[in-house]
Amino acid sequence: MTSDADRFDLDQVDRLLTTTKQVRKRMDLERPVPRELLLECIDIAQHAPMGGNLERNRWLVVDDPELKAQIAPLYQQVGRPYLAANAAGEVDEGQQRVLDSATYLVDHIAEVPAMVIALRLDRLPEGASNAEIAGYHGSVAPGVWSFQLAARARGLGSAWTTFHLFHEQEVAEMLGIPETVTQVALLPVGYYKGSGFTPASRRPAGEITYFNRWKETA
């Protein structure tokens, strides 16, 4: 039997899980984010599962305007053509909203209050197998998502982005990151404006879940 201490308010938990979204246009670019608040979120993130329980994840917060301005062009060199290529095809209304939002973030990336870069202390070997890649990122991604949930609960918005990784070495040199360290994601972080985040439209579990064999649903 579950003790009272282990029970959660499922309505609140489910609301947090289903309304934590990638925040781009709604990010407040004028309001600074206290470092203490970011450290709180990182403290929470460090409790996420990680392979072997080895604390090999690190975090680098970039809140210096000059450094953000140096990273921005590298981010935009990748982000702008990528989004333009996606916009050139047929997109529905929902996809267009996402593209508009992502384009806004790319255009304003230098202005975000903080860039939080998720790191790991080692690198995958050349030609790593899918199993190695899955295990490697499986030790980092849960912490990043926990950071995003903790941020949302504290009134902060964030977005998982990877455009800067095409220039990982250049960014590493700017920030003094050793060659043995891997950058996994860059999260723009800031207070979000407005309220009323609602769950995104998603297909029901019964349509996308198979039992025992491919395409065999319940």
Protein backbone atom coordinates (compact mmCIF):
# COMPACT_ATOMS: atom_id res chain seq x y z
CA MET A 1 0.00 0.00 0.00
CA THR A 2 1.30 3.46 -0.90
CA SER A 3 1.92 5.64 2.12
CA ASP A 4 0.49 9.15 2.36
CA ALA A 5 4.04 10.51 2.06
CA ASP A 6 4.37 8.93 -1.41
CA ARG A 7 1.05 10.17 -2.76
CA PHE A 8 0.94 13.12 -5.15
CA ASP A 9 -1.81 15.41 -6.31
CA LEU A 10 -2.19 13.82 -9.75
CA ASP A 11 -4.16 16.75 -11.13
CA GLN A 12 -1.27 19.08 -10.38
CA VAL A 13 1.40 16.64 -11.56
CA ASP A 14 -0.43 15.88 -14.79
CA ARG A 15 -1.02 19.59 -15.45
CA LEU A 16 2.70 20.28 -15.08
CA LEU A 17 3.64 17.38 -17.36
CA THR A 18 1.11 18.18 -20.09
CA THR A 19 1.48 21.97 -20.17
CA THR A 20 5.28 22.30 -20.05
CA LYS A 21 6.04 23.40 -23.60
CA GLN A 22 8.88 24.86 -25.59
CA VAL A 23 8.68 28.59 -24.81
CA ARG A 24 9.92 30.93 -27.52
CA LYS A 25 7.64 33.87 -28.40
CA ARG A 26 6.27 34.04 -24.86
CA MET A 27 9.69 34.43 -23.26
CA ASP A 28 10.21 37.74 -21.44
CA LEU A 29 13.43 39.08 -22.95
CA GLU A 30 13.56 42.09 -20.62
CA ARG A 31 13.39 40.41 -17.20
CA PRO A 32 16.64 38.94 -15.83
CA VAL A 33 16.59 35.46 -14.31
CA PRO A 34 18.36 35.20 -10.94
CA ARG A 35 21.22 32.71 -10.93
CA GLU A 36 19.89 31.31 -7.66
CA LEU A 37 16.69 30.26 -9.43
CA LEU A 38 18.63 28.51 -12.19
CA LEU A 39 20.69 26.69 -9.55
CA GLU A 40 17.46 25.51 -7.89
CA CYS A 41 16.33 24.01 -11.19
CA ILE A 42 19.71 22.36 -11.73
CA ASP A 43 19.58 20.90 -8.21
CA ILE A 44 16.26 19.28 -9.16
CA ALA A 45 17.62 18.14 -12.54
CA GLN A 46 20.55 16.35 -10.90
CA HIS A 47 18.08 13.93 -9.27
CA ALA A 48 17.00 12.57 -12.67
CA PRO A 49 18.10 9.02 -13.57
CA MET A 50 21.61 8.72 -15.00
CA GLY A 51 23.61 5.72 -16.17
CA GLY A 52 25.47 3.96 -13.36
CA ASN A 53 24.37 6.77 -11.03
CA LEU A 54 27.57 8.51 -12.17
CA GLU A 55 27.30 12.28 -11.91
CA ARG A 56 29.02 13.05 -15.21
CA ASN A 57 26.55 15.73 -16.28
CA ARG A 58 27.51 19.38 -16.01
CA TRP A 59 25.73 22.67 -16.71
CA LEU A 60 27.05 25.94 -18.09
CA VAL A 61 24.96 29.10 -17.74
CA VAL A 62 25.70 31.91 -20.19
CA ASP A 63 24.20 35.20 -19.04
CA ASP A 64 26.98 37.56 -20.18
CA PRO A 65 25.58 39.76 -23.00
CA GLU A 66 28.85 39.74 -24.95
CA LEU A 67 29.11 35.95 -24.92
CA LYS A 68 25.46 35.56 -25.94
CA ALA A 69 26.10 37.97 -28.80
CA GLN A 70 29.05 35.87 -29.95
CA ILE A 71 27.08 32.61 -29.86
CA ALA A 72 24.02 34.07 -31.61
CA PRO A 73 25.44 34.31 -35.19
CA LEU A 74 26.59 30.68 -35.09
CA TYR A 75 23.16 29.63 -33.87
CA GLN A 76 21.45 31.69 -36.56
CA GLN A 77 23.69 30.41 -39.38
CA VAL A 78 22.11 26.99 -38.84
CA GLY A 79 18.66 27.91 -37.54
CA ARG A 80 17.58 30.33 -40.27
CA PRO A 81 18.18 28.09 -43.32
CA TYR A 82 16.84 25.05 -41.46
CA LEU A 83 13.55 26.77 -40.62
CA ALA A 84 13.29 28.35 -44.08
CA ALA A 85 13.62 24.91 -45.68
CA ASN A 86 10.87 23.54 -43.46
CA ALA A 87 8.61 26.49 -44.22
CA ALA A 88 9.02 25.94 -47.96
CA GLY A 89 6.96 22.74 -47.89
CA GLU A 90 3.30 22.21 -47.13
CA VAL A 91 2.58 22.91 -43.48
CA ASP A 92 -0.67 22.99 -41.57
CA GLU A 93 -1.72 25.78 -39.21
CA GLY A 94 -0.20 24.12 -36.15
CA GLN A 95 3.13 23.51 -37.85
CA GLN A 96 3.19 27.09 -39.10
CA ARG A 97 2.75 28.36 -35.54
CA VAL A 98 5.72 26.28 -34.44
CA LEU A 99 7.85 27.57 -37.34
CA ASP A 100 6.90 31.18 -36.56
CA SER A 101 7.73 30.65 -32.90
CA ALA A 102 11.05 28.96 -33.65
CA THR A 103 11.97 31.71 -36.13
CA TYR A 104 11.26 34.34 -33.49
CA LEU A 105 13.59 32.58 -31.05
CA VAL A 106 16.37 32.31 -33.63
CA ASP A 107 16.06 36.02 -34.41
CA HIS A 108 16.17 36.96 -30.72
CA ILE A 109 18.52 34.31 -29.34
CA ALA A 110 21.11 36.89 -28.22
CA GLU A 111 18.45 38.60 -26.10
CA VAL A 112 17.32 35.63 -24.00
CA PRO A 113 18.08 36.20 -20.30
CA ALA A 114 20.12 33.00 -19.99
CA MET A 115 21.44 30.18 -22.13
CA VAL A 116 21.75 26.96 -20.16
CA ILE A 117 24.01 24.41 -21.86
CA ALA A 118 23.73 20.77 -20.79
CA LEU A 119 27.09 18.99 -20.85
CA ARG A 120 28.57 15.55 -20.29
CA LEU A 121 32.16 14.98 -19.19
CA ASP A 122 33.12 12.53 -21.94
CA ARG A 123 32.54 11.92 -25.65
CA LEU A 124 31.10 9.06 -27.63
CA PRO A 125 33.66 7.04 -29.59
CA GLU A 126 33.85 7.52 -33.35
CA GLY A 127 31.26 5.31 -35.06
CA ALA A 128 29.37 4.62 -31.82
CA SER A 129 26.55 2.09 -32.11
CA ASN A 130 22.90 2.98 -31.66
CA ALA A 131 22.99 1.24 -28.27
CA GLU A 132 25.95 3.38 -27.16
CA ILE A 133 24.29 6.58 -28.40
CA ALA A 134 21.00 5.71 -26.70
CA GLY A 135 22.68 4.94 -23.41
CA TYR A 136 24.83 8.05 -23.57
CA HIS A 137 22.02 10.51 -24.20
CA GLY A 138 19.74 8.55 -21.89
CA SER A 139 21.91 9.76 -19.04
CA VAL A 140 21.55 13.42 -20.02
CA ALA A 141 18.07 13.91 -21.51
CA PRO A 142 16.12 13.02 -18.32
CA GLY A 143 18.03 15.73 -16.45
CA VAL A 144 17.32 18.31 -19.13
CA TRP A 145 13.61 17.53 -19.04
CA SER A 146 13.64 17.67 -15.23
CA PHE A 147 15.28 21.10 -15.50
CA GLN A 148 12.52 22.24 -17.86
CA LEU A 149 9.81 20.96 -15.53
CA ALA A 150 11.42 22.60 -12.50
CA ALA A 151 11.72 25.84 -14.47
CA ARG A 152 8.07 25.76 -15.55
CA ALA A 153 6.99 25.22 -11.93
CA ARG A 154 8.90 28.40 -11.02
CA GLY A 155 7.46 30.59 -13.77
CA LEU A 156 10.31 30.09 -16.23
CA GLY A 157 10.04 29.02 -19.85
CA SER A 158 12.68 27.11 -21.78
CA ALA A 159 13.23 25.30 -25.06
CA TRP A 160 15.46 22.36 -26.03
CA THR A 161 17.59 23.54 -28.97
CA THR A 162 20.63 22.11 -30.78
CA PHE A 163 21.43 24.54 -33.62
CA HIS A 164 24.66 25.63 -31.92
CA LEU A 165 25.98 22.06 -31.99
CA PHE A 166 26.90 22.43 -35.67
CA HIS A 167 29.50 24.86 -34.33
CA GLU A 168 30.21 22.98 -31.11
CA GLN A 169 33.98 23.42 -31.26
CA GLU A 170 33.76 27.17 -31.84
CA VAL A 171 31.31 27.57 -28.96
CA ALA A 172 33.56 25.42 -26.78
CA GLU A 173 36.51 27.69 -27.50
CA MET A 174 34.45 30.77 -26.63
CA LEU A 175 33.38 29.28 -23.29
CA GLY A 176 36.55 27.41 -22.37
CA ILE A 177 34.91 23.97 -22.59
CA PRO A 178 37.53 21.18 -22.87
CA GLU A 179 37.63 18.95 -25.95
CA THR A 180 36.74 15.95 -23.79
CA VAL A 181 33.36 17.46 -22.86
CA THR A 182 30.21 17.06 -24.99
CA GLN A 183 27.56 19.75 -25.38
CA VAL A 184 24.13 18.10 -25.58
CA ALA A 185 21.61 20.95 -25.74
CA LEU A 186 21.26 24.69 -25.34
CA LEU A 187 18.21 25.88 -23.44
CA PRO A 188 17.19 29.54 -23.74
CA VAL A 189 15.62 30.35 -20.36
CA GLY A 190 13.51 33.27 -19.22
CA TYR A 191 10.32 34.12 -17.40
CA TYR A 192 7.30 33.47 -19.60
CA LYS A 193 4.66 36.07 -20.33
CA GLY A 194 0.96 35.49 -19.84
CA SER A 195 -0.68 32.39 -18.45
CA GLY A 196 -2.94 29.60 -19.57
CA PHE A 197 -0.66 26.98 -21.10
CA THR A 198 -2.86 24.18 -22.40
CA PRO A 199 -2.01 20.61 -23.37
CA ALA A 200 -0.99 20.16 -26.99
CA SER A 201 -3.19 18.08 -29.27
CA ARG A 202 -1.79 14.55 -29.32
CA ARG A 203 -2.96 11.19 -30.61
CA PRO A 204 -4.34 8.91 -27.87
CA ALA A 205 -2.08 6.23 -26.41
CA GLY A 206 -4.27 3.47 -27.83
CA GLU A 207 -3.43 4.55 -31.38
CA ILE A 208 0.35 4.72 -30.98
CA THR A 209 1.01 1.84 -28.59
CA TYR A 210 1.54 -1.74 -29.75
CA PHE A 211 1.53 -4.90 -27.65
CA ASN A 212 3.98 -7.74 -28.23
CA ARG A 213 4.22 -7.16 -31.99
CA TRP A 214 4.49 -4.17 -34.36
CA LYS A 215 1.14 -2.64 -35.24
CA GLU A 216 -0.80 -4.89 -32.82
CA THR A 217 -2.85 -2.54 -30.69
CA ALA A 218 -4.92 -3.33 -27.63
